[in-house]
Amino acid sequence: MGCTRLSRTIPVPPVRGTLKADAPLAPLVWFKAGGAAQWLFEPKDVDDLSDFLAMLDPDMPVMALGLGSNLIVRDGGVPGVVVRLGKPFARVEQLDETTLVCGGGASGILVSSTARDAGISGLEFLRSIPGTVGGFVRMNGGAYGRETADILVSCEVVLRSGEQVTLLGRDLHYSYRHSNLTDGAVVVSATFRGEPGEPAAIQAEMDRIATAREESQPLRSKTGGSTFKNPDGHKAWALVDEAGCRGLQLGGAQVSEKHTNFLLNTGEATSADIEALGEEVRRRVKEKSGVDLQWEIQRVGLFTVDTNKEAAGVAK
């Protein structure tokens, strides 16, 4: 998102869904920190979203928000419009014996459970990703050896212009945790294809993944999921650990002692605390191993005046 707050005097189009000004985002993200959205829009349906974006001032930034699990919302808030896909976009329907059509707001748990009930294997890994279909498609979400590129047939997208388009999986030019979807584009549905499987075996794999995740990740903490991408030939958590960052703290933020590629809000952390801690980890890893860690967590919005400077406090 840009770093200049846009005036609320810029008119916004009428909607059939819900449009709120100065809407707090901290309750909607896993870190439970950060500022407000200039506008928060929950469209009633695809046409509501399409019409709104078509009429919206082209200078107004637009960002889609899923479950808020892989996101730092900076303390100065997010200028422009944050689009959140609610219940109308959370449906999952079986198309044929191996294919599901999933709304952009559907969770990974709902998609994988529906696949299990339909006897469709290959989508179990979505059980472990705390996000929605729209985020999976945009970021090529993955875990446990699988990623969205392996299962995506096509997706329906509303572009920033309001145009509704269908894109095939190959159109997204996927790489590790990246697609070529343009800024402001919102994924409203996706078609996933797996393979025939036995529901009992699918459930067993989902249970295995859930158990492994529970044992290795700080799931009951205020966190944002995996912080850094795994560099080629390395595991991010191991590099962080080798750099002596396990348990490292800055303000109310801490590197998890259970899984060092997770940052935690221990109570009253600001987003500035969390992001500054992440940058300190990157610095220490670069100094120790020469590897330049890249953020996997998305960081959006404006710094406050104080946090445009170096973050106060020293990591310890």
C-alpha atoms as a PDB file:
ATOM      1  CA  MET A   1       0.000   0.000   0.000  1.00  0.00           C
ATOM      2  CA  GLY A   2       1.119   3.564  -0.551  1.00  0.00           C
ATOM      3  CA  CYS A   3       2.517   5.766   2.178  1.00  0.00           C
ATOM      4  CA  THR A   4       0.344   8.847   1.705  1.00  0.00           C
ATOM      5  CA  ARG A   5      -2.965   8.976   3.522  1.00  0.00           C
ATOM      6  CA  LEU A   6      -5.798   9.721   1.125  1.00  0.00           C
ATOM      7  CA  SER A   7      -8.442  12.246   2.048  1.00  0.00           C
ATOM      8  CA  ARG A   8     -11.789  10.928   3.225  1.00  0.00           C
ATOM      9  CA  THR A   9     -13.258  13.635   0.971  1.00  0.00           C
ATOM     10  CA  ILE A  10     -12.666  11.395  -2.053  1.00  0.00           C
ATOM     11  CA  PRO A  11     -16.169  10.053  -2.734  1.00  0.00           C
ATOM     12  CA  VAL A  12     -16.837   6.328  -2.604  1.00  0.00           C
ATOM     13  CA  PRO A  13     -19.537   4.620  -4.684  1.00  0.00           C
ATOM     14  CA  PRO A  14     -22.758   3.232  -3.235  1.00  0.00           C
ATOM     15  CA  VAL A  15     -22.766  -0.442  -2.263  1.00  0.00           C
ATOM     16  CA  ARG A  16     -25.257  -3.187  -1.501  1.00  0.00           C
ATOM     17  CA  GLY A  17     -22.952  -4.804   1.035  1.00  0.00           C
ATOM     18  CA  THR A  18     -21.316  -3.109   4.032  1.00  0.00           C
ATOM     19  CA  LEU A  19     -18.919  -0.148   3.819  1.00  0.00           C
ATOM     20  CA  LYS A  20     -17.388   1.239   7.024  1.00  0.00           C
ATOM     21  CA  ALA A  21     -15.041   4.201   7.473  1.00  0.00           C
ATOM     22  CA  ASP A  22     -12.069   4.116   9.862  1.00  0.00           C
ATOM     23  CA  ALA A  23     -12.646   0.439  10.622  1.00  0.00           C
ATOM     24  CA  PRO A  24     -10.206  -1.116  13.145  1.00  0.00           C
ATOM     25  CA  LEU A  25      -8.245  -3.968  11.599  1.00  0.00           C
ATOM     26  CA  ALA A  26      -6.449  -5.282  14.697  1.00  0.00           C
ATOM     27  CA  PRO A  27      -9.426  -7.496  15.683  1.00  0.00           C
ATOM     28  CA  LEU A  28      -9.384  -9.024  12.177  1.00  0.00           C
ATOM     29  CA  VAL A  29      -5.712 -10.045  12.037  1.00  0.00           C
ATOM     30  CA  TRP A  30      -3.919 -12.772  13.971  1.00  0.00           C
ATOM     31  CA  PHE A  31      -1.326 -10.454  15.498  1.00  0.00           C
ATOM     32  CA  LYS A  32      -4.157  -8.376  17.065  1.00  0.00           C
ATOM     33  CA  ALA A  33      -2.176  -5.212  16.356  1.00  0.00           C
ATOM     34  CA  GLY A  34      -2.219  -2.344  13.886  1.00  0.00           C
ATOM     35  CA  GLY A  35      -4.319   0.577  12.762  1.00  0.00           C
ATOM     36  CA  ALA A  36      -7.620   1.074  10.955  1.00  0.00           C
ATOM     37  CA  ALA A  37      -8.709   0.775   7.345  1.00  0.00           C
ATOM     38  CA  GLN A  38      -9.726   4.038   5.730  1.00  0.00           C
ATOM     39  CA  TRP A  39     -12.630   2.031   4.323  1.00  0.00           C
ATOM     40  CA  LEU A  40     -13.599  -1.601   4.987  1.00  0.00           C
ATOM     41  CA  PHE A  41     -15.875  -3.099   2.327  1.00  0.00           C
ATOM     42  CA  GLU A  42     -17.712  -6.410   2.592  1.00  0.00           C
ATOM     43  CA  PRO A  43     -19.472  -6.882  -0.771  1.00  0.00           C
ATOM     44  CA  LYS A  44     -22.817  -8.626  -1.020  1.00  0.00           C
ATOM     45  CA  ASP A  45     -21.819 -10.533  -4.134  1.00  0.00           C
ATOM     46  CA  VAL A  46     -19.389 -10.458  -7.073  1.00  0.00           C
ATOM     47  CA  ASP A  47     -21.372  -7.835  -8.980  1.00  0.00           C
ATOM     48  CA  ASP A  48     -21.433  -5.568  -5.923  1.00  0.00           C
ATOM     49  CA  LEU A  49     -17.631  -5.769  -5.754  1.00  0.00           C
ATOM     50  CA  SER A  50     -17.241  -5.320  -9.507  1.00  0.00           C
ATOM     51  CA  ASP A  51     -19.527  -2.289  -9.684  1.00  0.00           C
ATOM     52  CA  PHE A  52     -17.859  -0.687  -6.672  1.00  0.00           C
ATOM     53  CA  LEU A  53     -14.338  -1.044  -8.062  1.00  0.00           C
ATOM     54  CA  ALA A  54     -15.414   0.170 -11.501  1.00  0.00           C
ATOM     55  CA  MET A  55     -16.798   3.391 -10.005  1.00  0.00           C
ATOM     56  CA  LEU A  56     -14.111   3.884  -7.359  1.00  0.00           C
ATOM     57  CA  ASP A  57     -11.578   6.667  -7.913  1.00  0.00           C
ATOM     58  CA  PRO A  58      -8.624   4.992  -9.682  1.00  0.00           C
ATOM     59  CA  ASP A  59      -6.199   6.634  -7.247  1.00  0.00           C
ATOM     60  CA  MET A  60      -7.792   4.830  -4.291  1.00  0.00           C
ATOM     61  CA  PRO A  61      -5.717   1.756  -3.287  1.00  0.00           C
ATOM     62  CA  VAL A  62      -7.522  -1.558  -2.848  1.00  0.00           C
ATOM     63  CA  MET A  63      -6.387  -4.552  -0.803  1.00  0.00           C
ATOM     64  CA  ALA A  64      -8.088  -7.882  -0.113  1.00  0.00           C
ATOM     65  CA  LEU A  65      -8.118  -9.243   3.458  1.00  0.00           C
ATOM     66  CA  GLY A  66      -8.689 -12.909   4.274  1.00  0.00           C
ATOM     67  CA  LEU A  67      -8.321 -14.345   7.772  1.00  0.00           C
ATOM     68  CA  GLY A  68      -5.481 -11.938   8.507  1.00  0.00           C
ATOM     69  CA  SER A  69      -3.079 -14.746   9.414  1.00  0.00           C
ATOM     70  CA  ASN A  70      -0.116 -13.751   7.269  1.00  0.00           C
ATOM     71  CA  LEU A  71      -0.264 -10.008   7.715  1.00  0.00           C
ATOM     72  CA  ILE A  72       1.214  -7.091   9.624  1.00  0.00           C
ATOM     73  CA  VAL A  73      -1.074  -4.055   9.519  1.00  0.00           C
ATOM     74  CA  ARG A  74       1.107  -1.080  10.388  1.00  0.00           C
ATOM     75  CA  ASP A  75       0.067   1.194  13.225  1.00  0.00           C
ATOM     76  CA  GLY A  76      -0.797   4.145  10.998  1.00  0.00           C
ATOM     77  CA  GLY A  77      -3.560   2.148   9.312  1.00  0.00           C
ATOM     78  CA  VAL A  78      -4.294   1.239   5.709  1.00  0.00           C
ATOM     79  CA  PRO A  79      -5.249   3.977   3.243  1.00  0.00           C
ATOM     80  CA  GLY A  80      -7.850   3.209   0.620  1.00  0.00           C
ATOM     81  CA  VAL A  81     -10.252   0.286   0.636  1.00  0.00           C
ATOM     82  CA  VAL A  82      -9.763  -3.060   2.348  1.00  0.00           C
ATOM     83  CA  VAL A  83     -12.047  -5.694   0.816  1.00  0.00           C
ATOM     84  CA  ARG A  84     -13.127  -8.539   3.073  1.00  0.00           C
ATOM     85  CA  LEU A  85     -15.058 -11.408   1.529  1.00  0.00           C
ATOM     86  CA  GLY A  86     -17.728 -12.661   3.926  1.00  0.00           C
ATOM     87  CA  LYS A  87     -20.240 -15.498   3.955  1.00  0.00           C
ATOM     88  CA  PRO A  88     -21.449 -15.026   0.351  1.00  0.00           C
ATOM     89  CA  PHE A  89     -17.914 -15.925  -0.759  1.00  0.00           C
ATOM     90  CA  ALA A  90     -17.324 -18.816   1.648  1.00  0.00           C
ATOM     91  CA  ARG A  91     -19.165 -21.579  -0.204  1.00  0.00           C
ATOM     92  CA  VAL A  92     -17.504 -24.770  -1.459  1.00  0.00           C
ATOM     93  CA  GLU A  93     -19.295 -26.951  -4.026  1.00  0.00           C
ATOM     94  CA  GLN A  94     -18.342 -30.192  -5.735  1.00  0.00           C
ATOM     95  CA  LEU A  95     -18.154 -29.864  -9.528  1.00  0.00           C
ATOM     96  CA  ASP A  96     -17.273 -33.478 -10.393  1.00  0.00           C
ATOM     97  CA  GLU A  97     -15.606 -36.492  -8.779  1.00  0.00           C
ATOM     98  CA  THR A  98     -12.244 -34.730  -8.363  1.00  0.00           C
ATOM     99  CA  THR A  99     -13.049 -30.995  -8.580  1.00  0.00           C
ATOM    100  CA  LEU A 100     -14.285 -28.339  -6.159  1.00  0.00           C
ATOM    101  CA  VAL A 101     -15.390 -24.761  -6.831  1.00  0.00           C
ATOM    102  CA  CYS A 102     -14.468 -22.652  -3.813  1.00  0.00           C
ATOM    103  CA  GLY A 103     -15.393 -19.086  -2.915  1.00  0.00           C
ATOM    104  CA  GLY A 104     -12.532 -16.675  -2.304  1.00  0.00           C
ATOM    105  CA  GLY A 105     -13.559 -16.331   1.337  1.00  0.00           C
ATOM    106  CA  ALA A 106     -13.647 -20.074   2.073  1.00  0.00           C
ATOM    107  CA  SER A 107     -11.159 -21.293   4.681  1.00  0.00           C
ATOM    108  CA  GLY A 108      -8.589 -24.000   4.131  1.00  0.00           C
ATOM    109  CA  ILE A 109     -10.312 -26.154   6.743  1.00  0.00           C
ATOM    110  CA  LEU A 110     -13.653 -25.929   4.917  1.00  0.00           C
ATOM    111  CA  VAL A 111     -12.090 -26.739   1.541  1.00  0.00           C
ATOM    112  CA  SER A 112     -10.120 -29.738   2.830  1.00  0.00           C
ATOM    113  CA  SER A 113     -13.086 -31.075   4.814  1.00  0.00           C
ATOM    114  CA  THR A 114     -15.392 -30.798   1.804  1.00  0.00           C
ATOM    115  CA  ALA A 115     -12.789 -32.582  -0.313  1.00  0.00           C
ATOM    116  CA  ARG A 116     -12.589 -35.373   2.280  1.00  0.00           C
ATOM    117  CA  ASP A 117     -16.361 -35.834   2.331  1.00  0.00           C
ATOM    118  CA  ALA A 118     -16.355 -35.994  -1.484  1.00  0.00           C
ATOM    119  CA  GLY A 119     -13.516 -38.518  -1.595  1.00  0.00           C
ATOM    120  CA  ILE A 120     -11.072 -36.065  -3.193  1.00  0.00           C
ATOM    121  CA  SER A 121      -7.450 -36.394  -2.073  1.00  0.00           C
ATOM    122  CA  GLY A 122      -4.556 -34.002  -2.654  1.00  0.00           C
ATOM    123  CA  LEU A 123      -6.107 -31.015  -0.876  1.00  0.00           C
ATOM    124  CA  GLU A 124      -5.297 -32.155   2.674  1.00  0.00           C
ATOM    125  CA  PHE A 125      -2.461 -29.637   3.008  1.00  0.00           C
ATOM    126  CA  LEU A 126      -4.958 -26.765   2.950  1.00  0.00           C
ATOM    127  CA  ARG A 127      -6.057 -27.974   6.401  1.00  0.00           C
ATOM    128  CA  SER A 128      -2.794 -26.606   7.790  1.00  0.00           C
ATOM    129  CA  ILE A 129      -2.892 -23.123   6.237  1.00  0.00           C
ATOM    130  CA  PRO A 130      -4.793 -20.555   8.333  1.00  0.00           C
ATOM    131  CA  GLY A 131      -6.142 -18.528   5.446  1.00  0.00           C
ATOM    132  CA  THR A 132      -8.735 -18.274   2.708  1.00  0.00           C
ATOM    133  CA  VAL A 133      -8.864 -19.371  -0.911  1.00  0.00           C
ATOM    134  CA  GLY A 134      -8.216 -15.847  -2.168  1.00  0.00           C
ATOM    135  CA  GLY A 135      -4.964 -15.686  -0.243  1.00  0.00           C
ATOM    136  CA  PHE A 136      -3.914 -19.191  -1.286  1.00  0.00           C
ATOM    137  CA  VAL A 137      -4.351 -18.278  -4.941  1.00  0.00           C
ATOM    138  CA  ARG A 138      -2.571 -14.926  -4.719  1.00  0.00           C
ATOM    139  CA  MET A 139       0.401 -16.182  -2.691  1.00  0.00           C
ATOM    140  CA  ASN A 140       0.629 -19.761  -3.988  1.00  0.00           C
ATOM    141  CA  GLY A 141       0.017 -20.893  -0.435  1.00  0.00           C
ATOM    142  CA  GLY A 142       1.497 -24.224   0.511  1.00  0.00           C
ATOM    143  CA  ALA A 143       2.636 -26.563   3.265  1.00  0.00           C
ATOM    144  CA  TYR A 144       3.835 -30.117   3.813  1.00  0.00           C
ATOM    145  CA  GLY A 145       5.219 -30.542   0.310  1.00  0.00           C
ATOM    146  CA  ARG A 146       2.206 -29.220  -1.614  1.00  0.00           C
ATOM    147  CA  GLU A 147       1.181 -25.798  -2.899  1.00  0.00           C
ATOM    148  CA  THR A 148      -1.748 -24.119  -4.610  1.00  0.00           C
ATOM    149  CA  ALA A 149      -0.077 -24.395  -8.028  1.00  0.00           C
ATOM    150  CA  ASP A 150      -0.469 -28.188  -7.746  1.00  0.00           C
ATOM    151  CA  ILE A 151      -4.263 -28.077  -7.494  1.00  0.00           C
ATOM    152  CA  LEU A 152      -5.477 -24.850  -9.133  1.00  0.00           C
ATOM    153  CA  VAL A 153      -7.408 -25.272 -12.388  1.00  0.00           C
ATOM    154  CA  SER A 154      -8.671 -21.700 -12.723  1.00  0.00           C
ATOM    155  CA  CYS A 155      -9.832 -18.723 -10.692  1.00  0.00           C
ATOM    156  CA  GLU A 156     -12.354 -15.923 -11.007  1.00  0.00           C
ATOM    157  CA  VAL A 157     -10.866 -12.503 -10.322  1.00  0.00           C
ATOM    158  CA  VAL A 158     -12.267  -8.991 -10.120  1.00  0.00           C
ATOM    159  CA  LEU A 159      -9.567  -6.628 -11.332  1.00  0.00           C
ATOM    160  CA  ARG A 160      -8.986  -3.184  -9.838  1.00  0.00           C
ATOM    161  CA  SER A 161     -10.867  -1.776 -12.828  1.00  0.00           C
ATOM    162  CA  GLY A 162     -13.938  -3.806 -11.864  1.00  0.00           C
ATOM    163  CA  GLU A 163     -13.560  -6.178 -14.806  1.00  0.00           C
ATOM    164  CA  GLN A 164     -14.392  -9.803 -14.034  1.00  0.00           C
ATOM    165  CA  VAL A 165     -11.936 -12.265 -15.592  1.00  0.00           C
ATOM    166  CA  THR A 166     -11.214 -15.990 -15.522  1.00  0.00           C
ATOM    167  CA  LEU A 167      -7.564 -16.990 -15.254  1.00  0.00           C
ATOM    168  CA  LEU A 168      -6.092 -20.455 -15.705  1.00  0.00           C
ATOM    169  CA  GLY A 169      -3.480 -21.712 -13.304  1.00  0.00           C
ATOM    170  CA  ARG A 170      -0.723 -21.183 -15.862  1.00  0.00           C
ATOM    171  CA  ASP A 171      -1.780 -17.545 -16.297  1.00  0.00           C
ATOM    172  CA  LEU A 172      -0.606 -16.782 -12.753  1.00  0.00           C
ATOM    173  CA  HIS A 173       3.039 -17.736 -13.478  1.00  0.00           C
ATOM    174  CA  TYR A 174       3.454 -19.182 -10.032  1.00  0.00           C
ATOM    175  CA  SER A 175       6.743 -19.295  -8.163  1.00  0.00           C
ATOM    176  CA  TYR A 176       7.457 -19.861  -4.484  1.00  0.00           C
ATOM    177  CA  ARG A 177       4.815 -17.895  -2.526  1.00  0.00           C
ATOM    178  CA  HIS A 178       4.229 -15.592  -5.486  1.00  0.00           C
ATOM    179  CA  SER A 179       1.864 -15.019  -8.410  1.00  0.00           C
ATOM    180  CA  ASN A 180       1.620 -12.270 -10.988  1.00  0.00           C
ATOM    181  CA  LEU A 181      -1.823 -11.099  -9.852  1.00  0.00           C
ATOM    182  CA  THR A 182      -1.896  -7.314 -10.044  1.00  0.00           C
ATOM    183  CA  ASP A 183      -2.381  -4.980  -7.077  1.00  0.00           C
ATOM    184  CA  GLY A 184      -6.029  -4.395  -6.265  1.00  0.00           C
ATOM    185  CA  ALA A 185      -7.218  -7.613  -7.913  1.00  0.00           C
ATOM    186  CA  VAL A 186      -9.534  -9.709  -5.720  1.00  0.00           C
ATOM    187  CA  VAL A 187      -9.851 -13.486  -6.139  1.00  0.00           C
ATOM    188  CA  VAL A 188     -13.555 -14.273  -5.709  1.00  0.00           C
ATOM    189  CA  SER A 189     -13.461 -18.013  -6.460  1.00  0.00           C
ATOM    190  CA  ALA A 190     -11.137 -20.825  -7.483  1.00  0.00           C
ATOM    191  CA  THR A 191     -11.512 -24.282  -8.977  1.00  0.00           C
ATOM    192  CA  PHE A 192      -9.288 -26.914  -7.368  1.00  0.00           C
ATOM    193  CA  ARG A 193      -8.696 -30.435  -8.666  1.00  0.00           C
ATOM    194  CA  GLY A 194      -7.430 -33.397  -6.683  1.00  0.00           C
ATOM    195  CA  GLU A 195      -7.518 -37.151  -7.156  1.00  0.00           C
ATOM    196  CA  PRO A 196      -9.964 -39.883  -6.154  1.00  0.00           C
ATOM    197  CA  GLY A 197      -9.366 -41.044  -2.598  1.00  0.00           C
ATOM    198  CA  GLU A 198     -10.907 -42.779   0.389  1.00  0.00           C
ATOM    199  CA  PRO A 199     -12.405 -40.399   2.969  1.00  0.00           C
ATOM    200  CA  ALA A 200     -10.882 -42.380   5.839  1.00  0.00           C
ATOM    201  CA  ALA A 201      -7.382 -42.150   4.347  1.00  0.00           C
ATOM    202  CA  ILE A 202      -7.867 -38.462   3.609  1.00  0.00           C
ATOM    203  CA  GLN A 203      -8.944 -37.834   7.204  1.00  0.00           C
ATOM    204  CA  ALA A 204      -5.921 -39.749   8.481  1.00  0.00           C
ATOM    205  CA  GLU A 205      -3.616 -37.486   6.457  1.00  0.00           C
ATOM    206  CA  MET A 206      -5.427 -34.389   7.703  1.00  0.00           C
ATOM    207  CA  ASP A 207      -5.026 -35.647  11.284  1.00  0.00           C
ATOM    208  CA  ARG A 208      -1.314 -36.264  10.714  1.00  0.00           C
ATOM    209  CA  ILE A 209      -0.858 -32.730   9.397  1.00  0.00           C
ATOM    210  CA  ALA A 210      -2.876 -31.216  12.256  1.00  0.00           C
ATOM    211  CA  THR A 211      -0.843 -33.115  14.848  1.00  0.00           C
ATOM    212  CA  ALA A 212       2.482 -32.133  13.280  1.00  0.00           C
ATOM    213  CA  ARG A 213       1.407 -28.512  13.179  1.00  0.00           C
ATOM    214  CA  GLU A 214       0.212 -28.526  16.786  1.00  0.00           C
ATOM    215  CA  GLU A 215       3.494 -30.042  17.971  1.00  0.00           C
ATOM    216  CA  SER A 216       5.782 -27.675  16.079  1.00  0.00           C
ATOM    217  CA  GLN A 217       3.998 -24.309  15.872  1.00  0.00           C
ATOM    218  CA  PRO A 218       2.773 -21.785  18.488  1.00  0.00           C
ATOM    219  CA  LEU A 219      -0.835 -22.012  17.361  1.00  0.00           C
ATOM    220  CA  ARG A 220      -2.364 -20.665  20.566  1.00  0.00           C
ATOM    221  CA  SER A 221      -0.395 -17.413  20.458  1.00  0.00           C
ATOM    222  CA  LYS A 222      -0.983 -14.109  18.682  1.00  0.00           C
ATOM    223  CA  THR A 223       1.208 -14.742  15.667  1.00  0.00           C
ATOM    224  CA  GLY A 224       1.257 -14.308  11.909  1.00  0.00           C
ATOM    225  CA  GLY A 225       2.386 -17.720  10.746  1.00  0.00           C
ATOM    226  CA  SER A 226       5.645 -18.292   8.906  1.00  0.00           C
ATOM    227  CA  THR A 227       7.553 -15.014   8.926  1.00  0.00           C
ATOM    228  CA  PHE A 228      10.259 -15.565   6.325  1.00  0.00           C
ATOM    229  CA  LYS A 229      10.433 -17.522   3.092  1.00  0.00           C
ATOM    230  CA  ASN A 230      12.714 -20.546   3.025  1.00  0.00           C
ATOM    231  CA  PRO A 231      15.795 -19.554   0.990  1.00  0.00           C
ATOM    232  CA  ASP A 232      17.086 -22.031  -1.603  1.00  0.00           C
ATOM    233  CA  GLY A 233      18.871 -24.823   0.199  1.00  0.00           C
ATOM    234  CA  HIS A 234      17.953 -23.567   3.667  1.00  0.00           C
ATOM    235  CA  LYS A 235      15.200 -23.615   6.275  1.00  0.00           C
ATOM    236  CA  ALA A 236      14.377 -20.142   7.561  1.00  0.00           C
ATOM    237  CA  TRP A 237      13.810 -21.371  11.123  1.00  0.00           C
ATOM    238  CA  ALA A 238      17.262 -22.984  11.250  1.00  0.00           C
ATOM    239  CA  LEU A 239      18.984 -19.817  10.036  1.00  0.00           C
ATOM    240  CA  VAL A 240      17.123 -17.785  12.669  1.00  0.00           C
ATOM    241  CA  ASP A 241      18.071 -20.262  15.367  1.00  0.00           C
ATOM    242  CA  GLU A 242      21.731 -20.357  14.298  1.00  0.00           C
ATOM    243  CA  ALA A 243      21.823 -16.557  14.510  1.00  0.00           C
ATOM    244  CA  GLY A 244      20.878 -16.780  18.198  1.00  0.00           C
ATOM    245  CA  CYS A 245      17.398 -15.318  17.784  1.00  0.00           C
ATOM    246  CA  ARG A 246      15.305 -17.962  19.561  1.00  0.00           C
ATOM    247  CA  GLY A 247      13.275 -16.067  22.180  1.00  0.00           C
ATOM    248  CA  LEU A 248      14.629 -12.673  21.057  1.00  0.00           C
ATOM    249  CA  GLN A 249      12.387  -9.808  22.239  1.00  0.00           C
ATOM    250  CA  LEU A 250      11.729  -6.222  21.225  1.00  0.00           C
ATOM    251  CA  GLY A 251       9.007  -4.365  23.081  1.00  0.00           C
ATOM    252  CA  GLY A 252       5.993  -6.652  23.185  1.00  0.00           C
ATOM    253  CA  ALA A 253       7.199  -8.789  20.273  1.00  0.00           C
ATOM    254  CA  GLN A 254       9.151 -12.034  20.549  1.00  0.00           C
ATOM    255  CA  VAL A 255      10.657 -14.714  18.331  1.00  0.00           C
ATOM    256  CA  SER A 256       8.872 -17.926  19.264  1.00  0.00           C
ATOM    257  CA  GLU A 257      10.915 -20.413  21.261  1.00  0.00           C
ATOM    258  CA  LYS A 258       8.778 -23.237  19.874  1.00  0.00           C
ATOM    259  CA  HIS A 259       9.294 -22.369  16.181  1.00  0.00           C
ATOM    260  CA  THR A 260      11.818 -19.661  15.374  1.00  0.00           C
ATOM    261  CA  ASN A 261      10.186 -18.687  12.072  1.00  0.00           C
ATOM    262  CA  PHE A 262       7.197 -17.360  14.027  1.00  0.00           C
ATOM    263  CA  LEU A 263       6.971 -13.931  15.626  1.00  0.00           C
ATOM    264  CA  LEU A 264       4.634 -13.431  18.587  1.00  0.00           C
ATOM    265  CA  ASN A 265       2.675 -10.592  20.107  1.00  0.00           C
ATOM    266  CA  THR A 266       3.209 -11.395  23.783  1.00  0.00           C
ATOM    267  CA  GLY A 267       0.523  -8.989  24.925  1.00  0.00           C
ATOM    268  CA  GLU A 268       0.707  -5.327  24.019  1.00  0.00           C
ATOM    269  CA  ALA A 269       3.062  -5.329  21.020  1.00  0.00           C
ATOM    270  CA  THR A 270       2.610  -2.685  18.379  1.00  0.00           C
ATOM    271  CA  SER A 271       2.978  -3.593  14.743  1.00  0.00           C
ATOM    272  CA  ALA A 272       6.129  -1.461  14.811  1.00  0.00           C
ATOM    273  CA  ASP A 273       7.537  -3.770  17.505  1.00  0.00           C
ATOM    274  CA  ILE A 274       6.759  -6.855  15.430  1.00  0.00           C
ATOM    275  CA  GLU A 275       8.151  -5.518  12.171  1.00  0.00           C
ATOM    276  CA  ALA A 276      11.267  -4.076  13.825  1.00  0.00           C
ATOM    277  CA  LEU A 277      11.934  -7.423  15.488  1.00  0.00           C
ATOM    278  CA  GLY A 278      11.635  -9.118  12.115  1.00  0.00           C
ATOM    279  CA  GLU A 279      14.141  -6.679  10.624  1.00  0.00           C
ATOM    280  CA  GLU A 280      16.529  -7.289  13.535  1.00  0.00           C
ATOM    281  CA  VAL A 281      16.277 -11.026  12.901  1.00  0.00           C
ATOM    282  CA  ARG A 282      17.032 -10.445   9.214  1.00  0.00           C
ATOM    283  CA  ARG A 283      20.071  -8.352  10.167  1.00  0.00           C
ATOM    284  CA  ARG A 284      21.438 -10.990  12.542  1.00  0.00           C
ATOM    285  CA  VAL A 285      20.885 -13.821  10.065  1.00  0.00           C
ATOM    286  CA  LYS A 286      22.654 -11.854   7.321  1.00  0.00           C
ATOM    287  CA  GLU A 287      25.563 -11.169   9.675  1.00  0.00           C
ATOM    288  CA  LYS A 288      25.792 -14.799  10.817  1.00  0.00           C
ATOM    289  CA  SER A 289      25.207 -16.765   7.607  1.00  0.00           C
ATOM    290  CA  GLY A 290      25.277 -14.259   4.770  1.00  0.00           C
ATOM    291  CA  VAL A 291      21.705 -15.199   3.798  1.00  0.00           C
ATOM    292  CA  ASP A 292      19.270 -12.363   3.089  1.00  0.00           C
ATOM    293  CA  LEU A 293      15.952 -13.582   4.498  1.00  0.00           C
ATOM    294  CA  GLN A 294      12.861 -12.376   2.642  1.00  0.00           C
ATOM    295  CA  TRP A 295       9.582 -11.628   4.381  1.00  0.00           C
ATOM    296  CA  GLU A 296       6.764 -14.094   3.756  1.00  0.00           C
ATOM    297  CA  ILE A 297       4.360 -12.145   5.957  1.00  0.00           C
ATOM    298  CA  GLN A 298       2.781  -9.258   4.082  1.00  0.00           C
ATOM    299  CA  ARG A 299       3.295  -5.816   5.635  1.00  0.00           C
ATOM    300  CA  VAL A 300       0.774  -3.147   4.663  1.00  0.00           C
ATOM    301  CA  GLY A 301      -0.242   0.364   5.589  1.00  0.00           C
ATOM    302  CA  LEU A 302       1.402   3.418   7.079  1.00  0.00           C
ATOM    303  CA  PHE A 303       4.064   3.820   9.725  1.00  0.00           C
ATOM    304  CA  THR A 304       3.157   6.289  12.447  1.00  0.00           C
ATOM    305  CA  VAL A 305       5.360   9.372  12.795  1.00  0.00           C
ATOM    306  CA  ASP A 306       7.455   7.786  15.556  1.00  0.00           C
ATOM    307  CA  THR A 307       7.986   4.517  13.725  1.00  0.00           C
ATOM    308  CA  ASN A 308       9.260   6.169  10.558  1.00  0.00           C
ATOM    309  CA  LYS A 309      12.441   6.413  12.633  1.00  0.00           C
ATOM    310  CA  GLU A 310      14.386   3.438  13.925  1.00  0.00           C
ATOM    311  CA  ALA A 311      12.181   1.494  16.316  1.00  0.00           C
ATOM    312  CA  ALA A 312      12.661   2.441  19.927  1.00  0.00           C
ATOM    313  CA  GLY A 313      14.111  -0.154  22.217  1.00  0.00           C
ATOM    314  CA  VAL A 314      16.792  -2.762  21.787  1.00  0.00           C
ATOM    315  CA  ALA A 315      16.182  -6.404  21.017  1.00  0.00           C
ATOM    316  CA  LYS A 316      17.402  -8.606  23.823  1.00  0.00           C
END
